[in-house]
N, C-alpha and C. Protein backbone atom coordinates (compact mmCIF):
# COMPACT_ATOMS: atom_id res chain seq x y z
N GLN A 1 1.26 24.92 -10.69
CA GLN A 1 -0.10 25.23 -10.28
C GLN A 1 -1.01 24.02 -10.44
N VAL A 2 -0.76 23.20 -11.44
CA VAL A 2 -1.52 21.99 -11.68
C VAL A 2 -0.59 20.79 -11.55
N GLN A 3 -1.04 19.80 -10.82
CA GLN A 3 -0.30 18.56 -10.67
C GLN A 3 -1.17 17.39 -11.09
N LEU A 4 -0.58 16.48 -11.84
CA LEU A 4 -1.28 15.29 -12.32
C LEU A 4 -0.48 14.07 -11.89
N VAL A 5 -1.15 13.12 -11.27
CA VAL A 5 -0.49 11.92 -10.79
C VAL A 5 -1.22 10.70 -11.31
N GLU A 6 -0.54 9.91 -12.14
CA GLU A 6 -1.13 8.70 -12.71
C GLU A 6 -0.89 7.52 -11.78
N SER A 7 -1.79 6.56 -11.86
CA SER A 7 -1.65 5.32 -11.13
C SER A 7 -2.42 4.22 -11.86
N GLY A 8 -2.15 2.99 -11.49
CA GLY A 8 -2.86 1.86 -12.07
C GLY A 8 -2.11 1.11 -13.14
N GLY A 9 -0.94 1.61 -13.52
CA GLY A 9 -0.16 0.93 -14.53
C GLY A 9 0.45 -0.35 -14.00
N GLY A 10 0.84 -1.22 -14.91
CA GLY A 10 1.43 -2.48 -14.54
C GLY A 10 1.33 -3.48 -15.66
N SER A 11 2.03 -4.59 -15.52
CA SER A 11 2.03 -5.61 -16.56
C SER A 11 0.69 -6.32 -16.62
N VAL A 12 0.31 -6.70 -17.82
CA VAL A 12 -0.96 -7.38 -18.04
C VAL A 12 -0.83 -8.28 -19.26
N GLN A 13 -1.56 -9.38 -19.25
CA GLN A 13 -1.55 -10.30 -20.38
C GLN A 13 -2.44 -9.79 -21.50
N ALA A 14 -2.10 -10.15 -22.72
CA ALA A 14 -2.95 -9.81 -23.85
C ALA A 14 -4.35 -10.34 -23.63
N GLY A 15 -5.34 -9.51 -23.94
CA GLY A 15 -6.72 -9.87 -23.71
C GLY A 15 -7.24 -9.43 -22.36
N GLY A 16 -6.35 -9.00 -21.49
CA GLY A 16 -6.72 -8.58 -20.16
C GLY A 16 -7.18 -7.14 -20.11
N SER A 17 -7.48 -6.68 -18.90
CA SER A 17 -7.99 -5.33 -18.68
C SER A 17 -7.18 -4.61 -17.61
N LEU A 18 -7.22 -3.30 -17.68
CA LEU A 18 -6.52 -2.46 -16.73
C LEU A 18 -7.22 -1.12 -16.67
N ARG A 19 -7.25 -0.51 -15.50
CA ARG A 19 -7.82 0.82 -15.37
C ARG A 19 -6.78 1.78 -14.82
N LEU A 20 -6.51 2.83 -15.58
CA LEU A 20 -5.60 3.86 -15.16
C LEU A 20 -6.36 5.02 -14.52
N SER A 21 -5.73 5.65 -13.55
CA SER A 21 -6.31 6.81 -12.89
C SER A 21 -5.34 7.97 -12.95
N CYS A 22 -5.88 9.18 -12.97
CA CYS A 22 -5.08 10.39 -12.96
C CYS A 22 -5.74 11.38 -12.03
N ALA A 23 -5.10 11.63 -10.90
CA ALA A 23 -5.62 12.57 -9.92
C ALA A 23 -5.06 13.95 -10.20
N ALA A 24 -5.94 14.92 -10.38
CA ALA A 24 -5.54 16.29 -10.68
C ALA A 24 -5.75 17.18 -9.46
N SER A 25 -4.82 18.08 -9.26
CA SER A 25 -4.93 19.05 -8.18
C SER A 25 -4.45 20.41 -8.67
N GLY A 26 -4.89 21.47 -8.00
CA GLY A 26 -4.52 22.81 -8.40
C GLY A 26 -5.68 23.54 -9.04
N ASP A 27 -5.38 24.37 -10.02
CA ASP A 27 -6.37 25.18 -10.71
C ASP A 27 -7.31 24.30 -11.53
N THR A 28 -8.55 24.19 -11.09
CA THR A 28 -9.50 23.33 -11.79
C THR A 28 -9.89 23.87 -13.17
N TYR A 29 -9.76 25.16 -13.37
CA TYR A 29 -10.04 25.73 -14.68
C TYR A 29 -9.09 25.16 -15.73
N SER A 30 -7.88 24.88 -15.32
CA SER A 30 -6.87 24.37 -16.25
C SER A 30 -6.97 22.87 -16.47
N THR A 31 -7.93 22.23 -15.82
CA THR A 31 -8.14 20.79 -16.00
C THR A 31 -9.56 20.50 -16.47
N LYS A 32 -10.18 21.45 -17.15
CA LYS A 32 -11.52 21.24 -17.68
C LYS A 32 -11.50 20.19 -18.78
N CYS A 33 -10.41 20.16 -19.53
CA CYS A 33 -10.21 19.18 -20.58
C CYS A 33 -9.04 18.28 -20.18
N MET A 34 -9.23 17.00 -20.32
CA MET A 34 -8.17 16.07 -19.94
C MET A 34 -8.08 14.94 -20.95
N GLY A 35 -6.97 14.24 -20.91
CA GLY A 35 -6.80 13.15 -21.85
C GLY A 35 -5.66 12.23 -21.51
N TRP A 36 -5.59 11.15 -22.27
CA TRP A 36 -4.52 10.17 -22.14
C TRP A 36 -3.74 10.09 -23.43
N PHE A 37 -2.44 10.08 -23.31
CA PHE A 37 -1.54 9.93 -24.44
C PHE A 37 -0.56 8.81 -24.11
N ARG A 38 0.03 8.24 -25.12
CA ARG A 38 0.98 7.17 -24.87
C ARG A 38 2.16 7.26 -25.82
N GLN A 39 3.27 6.70 -25.39
CA GLN A 39 4.46 6.69 -26.21
C GLN A 39 5.19 5.36 -26.02
N ALA A 40 5.33 4.64 -27.11
CA ALA A 40 6.06 3.38 -27.11
C ALA A 40 7.52 3.67 -27.43
N PRO A 41 8.44 2.79 -27.02
CA PRO A 41 9.86 3.00 -27.31
C PRO A 41 10.12 3.18 -28.79
N GLY A 42 10.85 4.24 -29.14
CA GLY A 42 11.20 4.51 -30.52
C GLY A 42 10.09 5.08 -31.37
N LYS A 43 8.95 5.39 -30.77
CA LYS A 43 7.83 5.93 -31.52
C LYS A 43 7.38 7.27 -30.95
N GLU A 44 6.63 8.00 -31.75
CA GLU A 44 6.12 9.29 -31.32
C GLU A 44 4.95 9.13 -30.37
N ARG A 45 4.75 10.16 -29.57
CA ARG A 45 3.60 10.18 -28.68
C ARG A 45 2.32 10.26 -29.50
N GLU A 46 1.31 9.50 -29.10
CA GLU A 46 0.04 9.52 -29.80
C GLU A 46 -1.11 9.71 -28.82
N GLY A 47 -2.18 10.31 -29.32
CA GLY A 47 -3.36 10.50 -28.50
C GLY A 47 -4.13 9.20 -28.36
N VAL A 48 -4.53 8.90 -27.16
CA VAL A 48 -5.32 7.71 -26.87
C VAL A 48 -6.79 8.06 -26.74
N ALA A 49 -7.07 9.01 -25.87
CA ALA A 49 -8.44 9.45 -25.64
C ALA A 49 -8.43 10.80 -24.93
N VAL A 50 -9.37 11.66 -25.27
CA VAL A 50 -9.53 12.93 -24.60
C VAL A 50 -10.99 13.15 -24.26
N ILE A 51 -11.23 13.94 -23.24
CA ILE A 51 -12.59 14.28 -22.84
C ILE A 51 -12.67 15.79 -22.66
N ASP A 52 -13.66 16.40 -23.31
CA ASP A 52 -13.80 17.84 -23.31
C ASP A 52 -14.65 18.31 -22.13
N ARG A 53 -14.81 19.63 -22.03
CA ARG A 53 -15.54 20.21 -20.91
C ARG A 53 -16.98 19.74 -20.82
N ASP A 54 -17.59 19.49 -21.97
CA ASP A 54 -18.99 19.07 -22.00
C ASP A 54 -19.15 17.56 -21.88
N GLY A 55 -18.05 16.85 -21.70
CA GLY A 55 -18.09 15.41 -21.56
C GLY A 55 -17.93 14.65 -22.86
N SER A 56 -17.84 15.34 -23.98
CA SER A 56 -17.64 14.67 -25.25
C SER A 56 -16.26 14.05 -25.29
N THR A 57 -16.14 12.94 -26.00
CA THR A 57 -14.89 12.20 -26.02
C THR A 57 -14.40 11.95 -27.44
N LYS A 58 -13.12 11.69 -27.54
CA LYS A 58 -12.48 11.36 -28.81
C LYS A 58 -11.47 10.27 -28.54
N TYR A 59 -11.43 9.27 -29.43
CA TYR A 59 -10.53 8.14 -29.26
C TYR A 59 -9.64 7.95 -30.47
N GLY A 60 -8.45 7.46 -30.21
CA GLY A 60 -7.59 7.07 -31.31
C GLY A 60 -8.18 5.86 -32.01
N ASP A 61 -7.95 5.76 -33.31
CA ASP A 61 -8.53 4.68 -34.09
C ASP A 61 -8.16 3.29 -33.55
N SER A 62 -6.95 3.16 -33.07
CA SER A 62 -6.47 1.85 -32.63
C SER A 62 -7.08 1.37 -31.33
N VAL A 63 -7.75 2.26 -30.59
CA VAL A 63 -8.32 1.87 -29.30
C VAL A 63 -9.83 1.96 -29.25
N LYS A 64 -10.45 2.43 -30.32
CA LYS A 64 -11.91 2.55 -30.34
C LYS A 64 -12.58 1.21 -30.11
N GLY A 65 -13.56 1.21 -29.24
CA GLY A 65 -14.28 -0.01 -28.92
C GLY A 65 -13.64 -0.82 -27.82
N ARG A 66 -12.41 -0.47 -27.43
CA ARG A 66 -11.71 -1.22 -26.39
C ARG A 66 -11.43 -0.37 -25.15
N PHE A 67 -11.17 0.91 -25.35
CA PHE A 67 -10.85 1.81 -24.24
C PHE A 67 -12.00 2.77 -23.99
N THR A 68 -12.16 3.18 -22.73
CA THR A 68 -13.17 4.15 -22.36
C THR A 68 -12.57 5.18 -21.42
N ILE A 69 -12.71 6.46 -21.78
CA ILE A 69 -12.23 7.53 -20.93
C ILE A 69 -13.41 8.11 -20.15
N SER A 70 -13.18 8.44 -18.91
CA SER A 70 -14.22 9.04 -18.09
C SER A 70 -13.58 9.96 -17.06
N LYS A 71 -14.40 10.81 -16.47
CA LYS A 71 -13.90 11.76 -15.48
C LYS A 71 -14.89 11.91 -14.35
N ASP A 72 -14.38 11.88 -13.14
CA ASP A 72 -15.17 12.16 -11.95
C ASP A 72 -14.88 13.60 -11.59
N ASN A 73 -15.81 14.49 -11.93
CA ASN A 73 -15.58 15.92 -11.70
C ASN A 73 -15.50 16.27 -10.21
N GLY A 74 -16.24 15.55 -9.40
CA GLY A 74 -16.19 15.80 -7.96
C GLY A 74 -14.83 15.52 -7.36
N LYS A 75 -14.18 14.48 -7.84
CA LYS A 75 -12.85 14.11 -7.36
C LYS A 75 -11.75 14.69 -8.23
N ASN A 76 -12.14 15.29 -9.35
CA ASN A 76 -11.19 15.81 -10.33
C ASN A 76 -10.17 14.72 -10.71
N THR A 77 -10.72 13.56 -11.02
CA THR A 77 -9.90 12.40 -11.35
C THR A 77 -10.32 11.85 -12.71
N LEU A 78 -9.34 11.57 -13.53
CA LEU A 78 -9.54 11.02 -14.86
C LEU A 78 -9.26 9.53 -14.84
N TYR A 79 -10.02 8.78 -15.64
CA TYR A 79 -9.84 7.34 -15.72
C TYR A 79 -9.72 6.88 -17.17
N LEU A 80 -9.04 5.78 -17.34
CA LEU A 80 -8.98 5.13 -18.64
C LEU A 80 -9.17 3.64 -18.41
N GLN A 81 -10.32 3.14 -18.82
CA GLN A 81 -10.59 1.71 -18.74
C GLN A 81 -10.11 1.07 -20.03
N MET A 82 -9.18 0.14 -19.91
CA MET A 82 -8.60 -0.52 -21.06
C MET A 82 -8.98 -1.99 -21.05
N ASN A 83 -9.69 -2.42 -22.07
CA ASN A 83 -10.11 -3.80 -22.21
C ASN A 83 -9.51 -4.41 -23.47
N SER A 84 -9.49 -5.73 -23.51
CA SER A 84 -8.97 -6.46 -24.67
C SER A 84 -7.61 -5.94 -25.09
N LEU A 85 -6.73 -5.81 -24.13
CA LEU A 85 -5.41 -5.25 -24.39
C LEU A 85 -4.60 -6.11 -25.35
N LYS A 86 -3.83 -5.43 -26.18
CA LYS A 86 -2.98 -6.07 -27.17
C LYS A 86 -1.52 -5.71 -26.91
N PRO A 87 -0.58 -6.53 -27.37
CA PRO A 87 0.83 -6.20 -27.19
C PRO A 87 1.19 -4.83 -27.74
N GLU A 88 0.55 -4.40 -28.83
CA GLU A 88 0.83 -3.10 -29.41
C GLU A 88 0.34 -1.94 -28.55
N ASP A 89 -0.40 -2.22 -27.49
CA ASP A 89 -0.80 -1.19 -26.54
C ASP A 89 0.32 -0.88 -25.55
N THR A 90 1.37 -1.67 -25.57
CA THR A 90 2.49 -1.46 -24.66
C THR A 90 3.09 -0.08 -24.87
N ALA A 91 3.14 0.70 -23.79
CA ALA A 91 3.65 2.06 -23.88
C ALA A 91 3.68 2.69 -22.50
N MET A 92 4.29 3.87 -22.44
CA MET A 92 4.16 4.72 -21.28
C MET A 92 2.93 5.58 -21.50
N TYR A 93 2.02 5.55 -20.55
CA TYR A 93 0.78 6.30 -20.67
C TYR A 93 0.84 7.55 -19.81
N TYR A 94 0.52 8.69 -20.43
CA TYR A 94 0.59 9.98 -19.77
C TYR A 94 -0.78 10.63 -19.67
N CYS A 95 -1.04 11.21 -18.54
CA CYS A 95 -2.23 12.02 -18.34
C CYS A 95 -1.91 13.46 -18.71
N ALA A 96 -2.85 14.15 -19.34
CA ALA A 96 -2.66 15.54 -19.72
C ALA A 96 -3.92 16.34 -19.41
N ALA A 97 -3.74 17.64 -19.22
CA ALA A 97 -4.87 18.51 -18.91
C ALA A 97 -4.64 19.91 -19.45
N GLY A 98 -5.73 20.60 -19.73
CA GLY A 98 -5.68 21.98 -20.20
C GLY A 98 -7.05 22.61 -20.10
N SER A 99 -7.14 23.86 -20.50
CA SER A 99 -8.40 24.60 -20.39
C SER A 99 -9.31 24.43 -21.60
N ALA A 100 -8.76 24.05 -22.74
CA ALA A 100 -9.56 23.88 -23.94
C ALA A 100 -8.87 22.94 -24.91
N LEU A 101 -9.67 22.27 -25.74
CA LEU A 101 -9.16 21.32 -26.72
C LEU A 101 -9.55 21.71 -28.14
N ALA A 102 -8.66 21.44 -29.06
CA ALA A 102 -8.93 21.53 -30.49
C ALA A 102 -8.41 20.25 -31.11
N GLY A 103 -9.30 19.28 -31.24
CA GLY A 103 -8.88 17.97 -31.69
C GLY A 103 -8.05 17.29 -30.62
N TRP A 104 -6.82 16.93 -30.96
CA TRP A 104 -5.90 16.33 -30.01
C TRP A 104 -5.01 17.35 -29.30
N LEU A 105 -5.13 18.59 -29.68
CA LEU A 105 -4.24 19.62 -29.15
C LEU A 105 -4.92 20.47 -28.10
N PHE A 106 -4.19 20.74 -27.03
CA PHE A 106 -4.65 21.70 -26.05
C PHE A 106 -4.34 23.09 -26.55
N VAL A 107 -5.35 23.98 -26.49
CA VAL A 107 -5.24 25.29 -27.09
C VAL A 107 -4.18 26.15 -26.42
N ASP A 108 -4.16 26.12 -25.10
CA ASP A 108 -3.17 26.93 -24.40
C ASP A 108 -2.15 26.03 -23.70
N ASN A 109 -1.92 26.26 -22.43
CA ASN A 109 -0.93 25.48 -21.70
C ASN A 109 -1.38 24.04 -21.50
N THR A 110 -0.43 23.13 -21.55
CA THR A 110 -0.69 21.72 -21.33
C THR A 110 0.08 21.25 -20.11
N TYR A 111 -0.61 20.57 -19.23
CA TYR A 111 0.01 20.00 -18.05
C TYR A 111 0.10 18.50 -18.22
N TRP A 112 1.23 17.94 -17.81
CA TRP A 112 1.50 16.52 -17.99
C TRP A 112 1.83 15.83 -16.68
N GLY A 113 1.40 14.58 -16.57
CA GLY A 113 1.80 13.76 -15.45
C GLY A 113 3.12 13.08 -15.75
N GLN A 114 3.62 12.33 -14.79
CA GLN A 114 4.90 11.65 -14.94
C GLN A 114 4.81 10.41 -15.83
N GLY A 115 3.64 9.86 -15.97
CA GLY A 115 3.44 8.68 -16.79
C GLY A 115 3.39 7.41 -15.97
N THR A 116 2.75 6.40 -16.52
CA THR A 116 2.69 5.10 -15.89
C THR A 116 2.87 4.03 -16.96
N GLN A 117 3.72 3.06 -16.68
CA GLN A 117 4.09 2.05 -17.67
C GLN A 117 3.03 0.96 -17.77
N VAL A 118 2.70 0.61 -19.01
CA VAL A 118 1.76 -0.48 -19.27
C VAL A 118 2.40 -1.46 -20.26
N PRO A 119 3.02 -2.52 -19.77
CA PRO A 119 3.54 -3.56 -20.66
C PRO A 119 2.50 -4.66 -20.85
N VAL A 120 2.18 -4.96 -22.10
CA VAL A 120 1.21 -5.99 -22.41
C VAL A 120 1.94 -7.16 -23.06
N SER A 121 1.92 -8.31 -22.43
CA SER A 121 2.61 -9.48 -22.93
C SER A 121 1.67 -10.38 -23.70
N SER A 122 2.22 -11.07 -24.68
CA SER A 122 1.43 -11.97 -25.50
C SER A 122 1.36 -13.35 -24.90
């Protein structure tokens, strides 16, 4: 019912910038809350940034001040502006959506995109 498609991933040098996009389609009620998560090889998935229904945002400690999450409600598209990238930001980045958030967790069903790779070289 809900489809999420990420784009904008690719290799980037440390200190560089990249903007990820996530186009959502289907039931808009189920995409009121959206976010970005990432998973590096051999590590657990971690929350990067989420945006709630009222536009409030939450960021992981490691990306605060460098990343910005935003949403174009008219296009139902989520963005992640990543600045001052570091090698430790290297990961597969996933877009997620749901109807409600409790911290980093979606209260009910969670929809996931396929992911987009972001390798950051030093």
